[in-house]
Amino acid sequence: QVQLVESGGGLVQAGGFLKLSCAASGRTFSPYYMGWFRQAPGKEREFVSTIRWSSRSTYYADSVKGRFTLSRDNANNTVYLQMNSLKPEDTAVYYCAARFSYTSRFNYYNPSDYNYWGQGTQVTVSS
């Protein structure tokens, strides 16, 4: 059974930075895709960023492009989300998500296409 364990959330002022980590355990092979979604109160869960493990190709939501950077540690099946120039609208619970099996119909921005999720970590950006 795969477990995704997140860390790194917290409270920061606007313009500040945070780094989130997510480690996958329970599998000996690498994920197909692994990344982050977020959900603010009263809103749907939305895509933030993801990485295709084999190619290291990264994808970002327009709202975070240029401010957030996703990277991976292949040896430890871990992803890191460096979040800079944070804005109050970045406030949300951030969820790590992963898919380990290949599918030709995979849409990286669709939360339903990921089959493993972390418990979530709160990020609060004050103005």
Foldseek 3Di string as FASTA:
>chain_A
DKAKAKDWADEEAAQAKIKMKIFIDDDPAEFQKKDKWWDDPPGDIWDAKMARPPVRDIDGDPVQPPFWDWDADRVGNMIMIIGGRDDQVVWTWMKMFTHHDDDPPDDPTDRVNTDYIHPTDTHGYHD
